[in-house]
Structure formats: structure tokens, C-alpha cells
Protein backbone atom coordinates (compact mmCIF):
# COMPACT_ATOMS: atom_id res chain seq x y z
CA MET A 1 97.96 105.49 103.36
CA ARG A 2 101.69 105.58 102.84
CA HIS A 3 101.33 108.85 100.96
CA LEU A 4 99.39 110.36 103.87
CA LEU A 5 102.05 109.04 106.24
CA ARG A 6 104.72 110.83 104.17
CA MET A 7 102.64 114.00 104.39
CA ALA A 8 102.41 113.59 108.18
CA ALA A 9 106.20 113.39 108.32
CA HIS A 10 106.23 117.09 107.33
CA SER A 11 103.80 118.12 110.05
CA GLY A 12 106.40 120.44 111.59
CA ARG A 13 106.04 122.71 108.57
CA THR A 14 102.47 121.99 107.53
CA ASN A 15 100.70 121.25 110.85
CA MET A 16 99.08 118.31 109.04
CA HIS A 17 99.89 115.53 111.47
CA ALA A 18 98.05 112.19 111.43
CA ARG A 19 95.02 113.52 113.32
CA ASN A 20 94.49 116.50 110.99
CA LEU A 21 95.01 114.36 107.90
CA ALA A 22 92.51 111.84 109.27
CA ILE A 23 89.91 114.56 109.86
CA VAL A 24 90.30 115.84 106.31
CA TRP A 25 90.53 112.49 104.49
CA ALA A 26 88.26 110.21 106.57
CA PRO A 27 84.95 111.21 104.94
CA ASN A 28 86.42 110.33 101.53
CA LEU A 29 88.28 107.19 102.54
CA LEU A 30 85.49 105.75 104.69
CA ARG A 31 82.47 107.10 102.90
CA SER A 32 79.22 106.43 104.73
CA ARG A 33 76.16 105.57 102.69
CA ASP A 34 74.10 105.91 105.88
CA ILE A 35 74.91 109.62 106.08
CA GLU A 36 74.24 110.13 102.37
CA ALA A 37 71.04 108.07 102.22
CA SER A 38 69.34 109.34 105.35
CA GLY A 39 70.57 112.91 105.14
CA PHE A 40 72.15 112.85 108.60
CA ASN A 41 72.80 116.30 109.89
CA GLY A 42 73.99 117.91 113.07
CA THR A 43 75.15 115.67 115.89
CA ALA A 44 74.60 112.34 114.12
CA ALA A 45 76.74 113.35 111.13
CA PHE A 46 79.42 114.79 113.41
CA MET A 47 79.61 111.55 115.41
CA GLU A 48 79.84 109.45 112.24
CA VAL A 49 82.70 111.57 110.86
CA ARG A 50 84.42 111.46 114.24
CA VAL A 51 84.40 107.66 114.21
CA GLN A 52 85.71 107.68 110.63
CA SER A 53 88.55 110.03 111.54
CA ILE A 54 89.55 107.91 114.56
CA VAL A 55 89.75 104.82 112.33
CA VAL A 56 91.84 106.63 109.68
CA GLU A 57 94.15 108.08 112.35
CA PHE A 58 94.66 104.57 113.77
CA ILE A 59 95.49 103.24 110.30
CA LEU A 60 97.93 106.11 109.69
CA THR A 61 99.74 105.52 112.96
CA HIS A 62 100.01 101.78 112.24
CA VAL A 63 100.74 101.70 108.48
CA GLU A 64 103.82 99.49 108.76
CA GLN A 65 102.15 96.98 111.08
CA LEU A 66 99.05 96.80 108.88
CA PHE A 67 100.59 96.91 105.42
CA GLY A 68 104.28 96.13 105.89
CA ASP A 69 106.65 96.59 102.97
CA ALA A 70 104.81 94.31 100.55
CA PRO A 71 103.93 95.75 97.13
CA LEU A 72 100.33 96.79 96.70
CA PRO A 73 98.07 94.12 95.14
CA GLY A 74 97.86 94.34 91.36
CA ARG A 75 101.38 95.71 91.03
CA ASP A 76 104.64 93.96 90.23
CA THR A 77 107.86 94.75 92.09
CA ALA A 78 108.71 97.56 89.63
CA GLY A 79 105.48 99.34 90.55
CA THR A 80 103.78 98.92 87.20
CA SER A 81 100.31 97.49 86.73
CA TRP A 82 99.99 93.84 85.80
């Protein structure tokens, strides 16, 4: 998420602000087995992806509040794997 936030910081040049990044990345970050298993198409699939993108956009706009400055789990303070 922090990487996507850094990408959003360059939205003036790339036009990839939090909303556009969320639209692109949400289906991969919040993969829905319901869509895959039932073969959703049309409106149902669109609505599912829309909900996913809203959630990812919320996370992107609240990265610091949600994750803070703590190191990611499984990493020491130098950033190497345990």
C-alpha cells in the first residue's frame, strides 16, 4: 500500500491518483472467489469490482492511520527477512 501511495504522490504527472490506482489494483488485491466461481458477468461483476475499488481507495487514503510507521511483519528494522 505504501508503494501505491508513493505512486499516487506523482499523480500530477501520471494521472494515477488514489482512485485510479484503486480501480486498477483492487481486483488483484481483493480478489473475489465469488466472481471467479460463479462466472459473474455484466452488472454483478461491475458492482463487485466497484466495491473492491472503494475499499482499496479508502485504504490508500488512510495508509498512515491504518499501518503507521511500524515495520511490516516478518521483517526486522533493517528491512531484511527474519
